Amino acid sequence: MKKLLALFGLLAALPAYAADCGNMGEWLGGACQRVADTYGNGTPDLYISGYAWHDPGTYTEEKRKELNDRAWGLGYGRHTTDDKGNDELVYGMIFKDSHFTPELIIGYGHLWNWQIAGPVSAGLGYTVGMTSRQDIFGGIPFPVAFPLLQLKVDRFSVMGTVIPKLGGGLNHGNVAYFFGRYELE
């Protein structure tokens, strides 16, 4: 519950930090302003966390039986869509990680979208943010950057990312994570 309250506290405080973006230098200040503008001018989204797939080529069968595939959780965010149909997202989610413990993530995402047919579109982009896991650094938040995919029908999107294996040997990394986003307005 503490992590959930911290998540919503951070999201609620974003507009207040926008006034300080000019004091961060050109590159970091521009990124800060983009996040603040997306949150301040965006429309609300509900995130529903869902599924984590652990690569059988990376994890032993015994280890996969111990891990949580049902990464249930919720989140809130805001998004803007430009005149080309591309999305910018600011979000926060909390869900059960692979070890059945709460994981908190706040982030920014950018998606370049392409219309497929009617209300159906596909998107490809990236997300950057901060996450906190008990099994990594004892819960101390650390930065993340991942690719981001989206299949969207009207206001509902199925989204996914890949957490790659970065060393660590057997039973680490190569996880595909899927979640949903519903545009509330």
C-alpha atoms as a PDB file:
ATOM      1  CA  MET A   1       0.000   0.000   0.000  1.00  0.00           C
ATOM      2  CA  LYS A   2       2.905   2.358   0.738  1.00  0.00           C
ATOM      3  CA  LYS A   3       4.245   1.892  -2.799  1.00  0.00           C
ATOM      4  CA  LEU A   4       0.826   2.565  -4.308  1.00  0.00           C
ATOM      5  CA  LEU A   5       0.507   5.809  -2.336  1.00  0.00           C
ATOM      6  CA  ALA A   6       4.048   6.815  -3.331  1.00  0.00           C
ATOM      7  CA  LEU A   7       3.221   6.167  -6.990  1.00  0.00           C
ATOM      8  CA  PHE A   8       0.153   8.379  -6.996  1.00  0.00           C
ATOM      9  CA  GLY A   9       1.996  11.028  -4.981  1.00  0.00           C
ATOM     10  CA  LEU A  10       4.744  11.188  -7.612  1.00  0.00           C
ATOM     11  CA  LEU A  11       2.244  11.416 -10.460  1.00  0.00           C
ATOM     12  CA  ALA A  12       0.236  14.129  -8.711  1.00  0.00           C
ATOM     13  CA  ALA A  13       3.398  16.178  -8.094  1.00  0.00           C
ATOM     14  CA  LEU A  14       4.547  16.218 -11.748  1.00  0.00           C
ATOM     15  CA  PRO A  15       2.863  19.503 -12.744  1.00  0.00           C
ATOM     16  CA  ALA A  16       4.471  21.304  -9.799  1.00  0.00           C
ATOM     17  CA  TYR A  17       7.949  20.276 -10.971  1.00  0.00           C
ATOM     18  CA  ALA A  18       7.397  21.707 -14.476  1.00  0.00           C
ATOM     19  CA  ALA A  19       8.355  25.196 -13.246  1.00  0.00           C
ATOM     20  CA  ASP A  20      11.850  23.865 -12.407  1.00  0.00           C
ATOM     21  CA  CYS A  21      12.520  22.331 -15.843  1.00  0.00           C
ATOM     22  CA  GLY A  22      14.318  25.475 -17.057  1.00  0.00           C
ATOM     23  CA  ASN A  23      17.016  25.030 -14.397  1.00  0.00           C
ATOM     24  CA  MET A  24      18.150  21.631 -15.697  1.00  0.00           C
ATOM     25  CA  GLY A  25      20.108  22.560 -18.802  1.00  0.00           C
ATOM     26  CA  GLU A  26      19.029  22.288 -22.412  1.00  0.00           C
ATOM     27  CA  TRP A  27      18.754  18.514 -22.905  1.00  0.00           C
ATOM     28  CA  LEU A  28      17.468  17.480 -19.466  1.00  0.00           C
ATOM     29  CA  GLY A  29      15.264  20.575 -19.218  1.00  0.00           C
ATOM     30  CA  GLY A  30      13.682  19.756 -22.595  1.00  0.00           C
ATOM     31  CA  ALA A  31      12.970  16.189 -21.516  1.00  0.00           C
ATOM     32  CA  CYS A  32      11.548  17.414 -18.201  1.00  0.00           C
ATOM     33  CA  GLN A  33       9.289  19.904 -19.992  1.00  0.00           C
ATOM     34  CA  ARG A  34       8.066  17.201 -22.391  1.00  0.00           C
ATOM     35  CA  VAL A  35       7.048  14.962 -19.470  1.00  0.00           C
ATOM     36  CA  ALA A  36       5.386  17.866 -17.652  1.00  0.00           C
ATOM     37  CA  ASP A  37       3.507  18.963 -20.800  1.00  0.00           C
ATOM     38  CA  THR A  38       2.332  15.415 -21.533  1.00  0.00           C
ATOM     39  CA  TYR A  39       1.039  15.037 -18.008  1.00  0.00           C
ATOM     40  CA  GLY A  40      -0.452  18.529 -17.773  1.00  0.00           C
ATOM     41  CA  ASN A  41      -2.092  18.606 -21.229  1.00  0.00           C
ATOM     42  CA  GLY A  42      -2.828  14.910 -21.665  1.00  0.00           C
ATOM     43  CA  THR A  43      -5.978  12.898 -21.261  1.00  0.00           C
ATOM     44  CA  PRO A  44      -6.263  10.140 -18.623  1.00  0.00           C
ATOM     45  CA  ASP A  45      -5.458   6.463 -19.145  1.00  0.00           C
ATOM     46  CA  LEU A  46      -6.075   3.364 -17.052  1.00  0.00           C
ATOM     47  CA  TYR A  47      -3.379   0.670 -17.176  1.00  0.00           C
ATOM     48  CA  ILE A  48      -4.115  -2.983 -16.475  1.00  0.00           C
ATOM     49  CA  SER A  49      -1.049  -5.127 -15.979  1.00  0.00           C
ATOM     50  CA  GLY A  50      -1.305  -8.672 -17.131  1.00  0.00           C
ATOM     51  CA  TYR A  51       1.283 -11.194 -18.237  1.00  0.00           C
ATOM     52  CA  ALA A  52       5.024 -11.903 -18.025  1.00  0.00           C
ATOM     53  CA  TRP A  53       6.508 -14.544 -20.338  1.00  0.00           C
ATOM     54  CA  HIS A  54       9.815 -16.033 -19.203  1.00  0.00           C
ATOM     55  CA  ASP A  55      11.905 -17.299 -22.131  1.00  0.00           C
ATOM     56  CA  PRO A  56      12.282 -21.096 -21.864  1.00  0.00           C
ATOM     57  CA  GLY A  57      15.673 -20.733 -23.588  1.00  0.00           C
ATOM     58  CA  THR A  58      16.883 -18.589 -20.676  1.00  0.00           C
ATOM     59  CA  TYR A  59      15.077 -20.139 -17.691  1.00  0.00           C
ATOM     60  CA  THR A  60      15.072 -23.774 -16.635  1.00  0.00           C
ATOM     61  CA  GLU A  61      11.704 -25.512 -16.485  1.00  0.00           C
ATOM     62  CA  GLU A  62      12.029 -25.800 -12.688  1.00  0.00           C
ATOM     63  CA  LYS A  63      12.697 -22.067 -12.321  1.00  0.00           C
ATOM     64  CA  ARG A  64       9.802 -21.147 -14.643  1.00  0.00           C
ATOM     65  CA  LYS A  65       7.451 -23.138 -12.374  1.00  0.00           C
ATOM     66  CA  GLU A  66       8.531 -20.934  -9.430  1.00  0.00           C
ATOM     67  CA  LEU A  67       8.008 -17.639 -11.271  1.00  0.00           C
ATOM     68  CA  ASN A  68       4.870 -15.533 -11.542  1.00  0.00           C
ATOM     69  CA  ASP A  69       3.483 -15.202 -15.069  1.00  0.00           C
ATOM     70  CA  ARG A  70       0.365 -13.366 -13.906  1.00  0.00           C
ATOM     71  CA  ALA A  71       1.754  -9.887 -13.369  1.00  0.00           C
ATOM     72  CA  TRP A  72      -1.579  -8.458 -12.181  1.00  0.00           C
ATOM     73  CA  GLY A  73      -1.682  -4.792 -11.313  1.00  0.00           C
ATOM     74  CA  LEU A  74      -3.066  -1.353 -12.092  1.00  0.00           C
ATOM     75  CA  GLY A  75      -1.793   2.004 -13.134  1.00  0.00           C
ATOM     76  CA  TYR A  76      -2.715   5.501 -14.162  1.00  0.00           C
ATOM     77  CA  GLY A  77      -1.275   7.767 -16.788  1.00  0.00           C
ATOM     78  CA  ARG A  78      -1.915  10.557 -19.223  1.00  0.00           C
ATOM     79  CA  HIS A  79      -1.200  10.775 -22.932  1.00  0.00           C
ATOM     80  CA  THR A  80      -1.134  13.254 -25.762  1.00  0.00           C
ATOM     81  CA  THR A  81      -1.522  12.460 -29.465  1.00  0.00           C
ATOM     82  CA  ASP A  82       0.100  14.688 -32.089  1.00  0.00           C
ATOM     83  CA  ASP A  83      -1.342  15.572 -35.494  1.00  0.00           C
ATOM     84  CA  LYS A  84       0.384  12.509 -37.032  1.00  0.00           C
ATOM     85  CA  GLY A  85      -1.294  10.123 -34.561  1.00  0.00           C
ATOM     86  CA  ASN A  86       1.827   9.476 -32.461  1.00  0.00           C
ATOM     87  CA  ASP A  87       1.488   9.177 -28.679  1.00  0.00           C
ATOM     88  CA  GLU A  88       3.457  10.470 -25.719  1.00  0.00           C
ATOM     89  CA  LEU A  89       2.702   8.761 -22.407  1.00  0.00           C
ATOM     90  CA  VAL A  90       3.403   9.510 -18.761  1.00  0.00           C
ATOM     91  CA  TYR A  91       2.390   6.665 -16.471  1.00  0.00           C
ATOM     92  CA  GLY A  92       2.796   4.839 -13.220  1.00  0.00           C
ATOM     93  CA  MET A  93       1.972   1.197 -12.491  1.00  0.00           C
ATOM     94  CA  ILE A  94       2.221  -1.238  -9.649  1.00  0.00           C
ATOM     95  CA  PHE A  95       2.039  -4.976 -10.265  1.00  0.00           C
ATOM     96  CA  LYS A  96       3.265  -8.330  -9.000  1.00  0.00           C
ATOM     97  CA  ASP A  97       6.696  -9.059 -10.425  1.00  0.00           C
ATOM     98  CA  SER A  98       8.138 -12.466 -11.349  1.00  0.00           C
ATOM     99  CA  HIS A  99       8.775 -13.206  -7.659  1.00  0.00           C
ATOM    100  CA  PHE A 100       5.220 -12.317  -6.511  1.00  0.00           C
ATOM    101  CA  THR A 101       6.329  -9.042  -4.890  1.00  0.00           C
ATOM    102  CA  PRO A 102       5.066  -5.550  -5.775  1.00  0.00           C
ATOM    103  CA  GLU A 103       6.987  -3.712  -8.482  1.00  0.00           C
ATOM    104  CA  LEU A 104       6.484  -0.002  -8.954  1.00  0.00           C
ATOM    105  CA  ILE A 105       7.326   1.797 -12.198  1.00  0.00           C
ATOM    106  CA  ILE A 106       6.904   5.386 -13.335  1.00  0.00           C
ATOM    107  CA  GLY A 107       7.847   6.384 -16.823  1.00  0.00           C
ATOM    108  CA  TYR A 108       7.579   8.265 -20.069  1.00  0.00           C
ATOM    109  CA  GLY A 109       6.907   6.607 -23.407  1.00  0.00           C
ATOM    110  CA  HIS A 110       6.838   7.666 -27.023  1.00  0.00           C
ATOM    111  CA  LEU A 111       5.047   5.648 -29.725  1.00  0.00           C
ATOM    112  CA  TRP A 112       5.088   6.156 -33.474  1.00  0.00           C
ATOM    113  CA  ASN A 113       1.744   4.784 -34.672  1.00  0.00           C
ATOM    114  CA  TRP A 114       0.583   3.508 -38.067  1.00  0.00           C
ATOM    115  CA  GLN A 115      -3.043   3.035 -39.091  1.00  0.00           C
ATOM    116  CA  ILE A 116      -3.764  -0.520 -40.210  1.00  0.00           C
ATOM    117  CA  ALA A 117      -7.498  -0.443 -40.961  1.00  0.00           C
ATOM    118  CA  GLY A 118     -10.353   1.572 -39.505  1.00  0.00           C
ATOM    119  CA  PRO A 119      -9.824   2.028 -35.756  1.00  0.00           C
ATOM    120  CA  VAL A 120      -6.877  -0.423 -35.671  1.00  0.00           C
ATOM    121  CA  SER A 121      -3.319   0.880 -35.417  1.00  0.00           C
ATOM    122  CA  ALA A 122       0.092  -0.446 -34.431  1.00  0.00           C
ATOM    123  CA  GLY A 123       2.835   1.425 -32.652  1.00  0.00           C
ATOM    124  CA  LEU A 124       6.535   1.088 -32.006  1.00  0.00           C
ATOM    125  CA  GLY A 125       8.578   3.203 -29.632  1.00  0.00           C
ATOM    126  CA  TYR A 126      10.369   3.289 -26.315  1.00  0.00           C
ATOM    127  CA  THR A 127       9.820   3.862 -22.633  1.00  0.00           C
ATOM    128  CA  VAL A 128      12.205   5.225 -20.013  1.00  0.00           C
ATOM    129  CA  GLY A 129      11.591   5.511 -16.308  1.00  0.00           C
ATOM    130  CA  MET A 130      12.362   4.361 -12.804  1.00  0.00           C
ATOM    131  CA  THR A 131      11.372   1.079 -11.217  1.00  0.00           C
ATOM    132  CA  SER A 132      11.733  -0.530  -7.815  1.00  0.00           C
ATOM    133  CA  ARG A 133      12.073  -4.284  -7.176  1.00  0.00           C
ATOM    134  CA  GLN A 134      12.941  -6.071  -3.959  1.00  0.00           C
ATOM    135  CA  ASP A 135      15.235  -8.557  -5.740  1.00  0.00           C
ATOM    136  CA  ILE A 136      17.308  -5.812  -7.409  1.00  0.00           C
ATOM    137  CA  PHE A 137      19.177  -3.335  -5.193  1.00  0.00           C
ATOM    138  CA  GLY A 138      16.893  -4.245  -2.265  1.00  0.00           C
ATOM    139  CA  GLY A 139      14.049  -2.080  -3.580  1.00  0.00           C
ATOM    140  CA  ILE A 140      16.117   1.068  -4.262  1.00  0.00           C
ATOM    141  CA  PRO A 141      14.718   2.691  -7.438  1.00  0.00           C
ATOM    142  CA  PHE A 142      16.837   2.397 -10.582  1.00  0.00           C
ATOM    143  CA  PRO A 143      16.470   3.645 -14.191  1.00  0.00           C
ATOM    144  CA  VAL A 144      15.143   1.504 -17.038  1.00  0.00           C
ATOM    145  CA  ALA A 145      14.841   1.901 -20.816  1.00  0.00           C
ATOM    146  CA  PHE A 146      12.926  -0.594 -22.956  1.00  0.00           C
ATOM    147  CA  PRO A 147      11.366  -0.905 -26.400  1.00  0.00           C
ATOM    148  CA  LEU A 148       7.589  -0.468 -26.455  1.00  0.00           C
ATOM    149  CA  LEU A 149       5.036  -2.058 -28.811  1.00  0.00           C
ATOM    150  CA  GLN A 150       1.328  -1.320 -29.131  1.00  0.00           C
ATOM    151  CA  LEU A 151      -1.661  -2.796 -30.935  1.00  0.00           C
ATOM    152  CA  LYS A 152      -4.579  -0.409 -30.583  1.00  0.00           C
ATOM    153  CA  VAL A 153      -8.270  -0.746 -31.372  1.00  0.00           C
ATOM    154  CA  ASP A 154     -10.155   2.507 -30.813  1.00  0.00           C
ATOM    155  CA  ARG A 155      -9.377   3.486 -27.166  1.00  0.00           C
ATOM    156  CA  PHE A 156      -7.966   0.125 -25.980  1.00  0.00           C
ATOM    157  CA  SER A 157      -4.340  -0.918 -26.488  1.00  0.00           C
ATOM    158  CA  VAL A 158      -2.433  -4.100 -25.793  1.00  0.00           C
ATOM    159  CA  MET A 159       1.145  -3.077 -25.103  1.00  0.00           C
ATOM    160  CA  GLY A 160       4.330  -4.988 -24.542  1.00  0.00           C
ATOM    161  CA  THR A 161       8.030  -4.732 -23.931  1.00  0.00           C
ATOM    162  CA  VAL A 162      11.028  -7.024 -23.622  1.00  0.00           C
ATOM    163  CA  ILE A 163      13.366  -7.077 -20.655  1.00  0.00           C
ATOM    164  CA  PRO A 164      16.564  -8.451 -22.213  1.00  0.00           C
ATOM    165  CA  LYS A 165      19.125 -10.716 -20.641  1.00  0.00           C
ATOM    166  CA  LEU A 166      22.103  -8.601 -19.615  1.00  0.00           C
ATOM    167  CA  GLY A 167      24.565 -11.146 -18.277  1.00  0.00           C
ATOM    168  CA  GLY A 168      23.635 -12.927 -15.077  1.00  0.00           C
ATOM    169  CA  GLY A 169      23.800 -16.440 -16.522  1.00  0.00           C
ATOM    170  CA  LEU A 170      20.954 -18.928 -16.360  1.00  0.00           C
ATOM    171  CA  ASN A 171      17.509 -17.918 -15.004  1.00  0.00           C
ATOM    172  CA  HIS A 172      17.868 -14.176 -15.645  1.00  0.00           C
ATOM    173  CA  GLY A 173      16.340 -11.873 -18.258  1.00  0.00           C
ATOM    174  CA  ASN A 174      14.587 -12.349 -21.581  1.00  0.00           C
ATOM    175  CA  VAL A 175      11.125 -11.615 -20.244  1.00  0.00           C
ATOM    176  CA  ALA A 176       8.271 -10.342 -22.411  1.00  0.00           C
ATOM    177  CA  TYR A 177       5.817  -8.224 -20.406  1.00  0.00           C
ATOM    178  CA  PHE A 178       2.294  -7.430 -21.646  1.00  0.00           C
ATOM    179  CA  PHE A 179      -0.275  -4.967 -20.308  1.00  0.00           C
ATOM    180  CA  GLY A 180      -3.315  -3.014 -21.417  1.00  0.00           C
ATOM    181  CA  ARG A 181      -4.096   0.683 -21.664  1.00  0.00           C
ATOM    182  CA  TYR A 182      -7.573   2.160 -21.884  1.00  0.00           C
ATOM    183  CA  GLU A 183      -7.988   5.836 -22.826  1.00  0.00           C
ATOM    184  CA  LEU A 184     -10.611   7.186 -20.430  1.00  0.00           C
ATOM    185  CA  GLU A 185     -11.464  10.214 -22.620  1.00  0.00           C
END
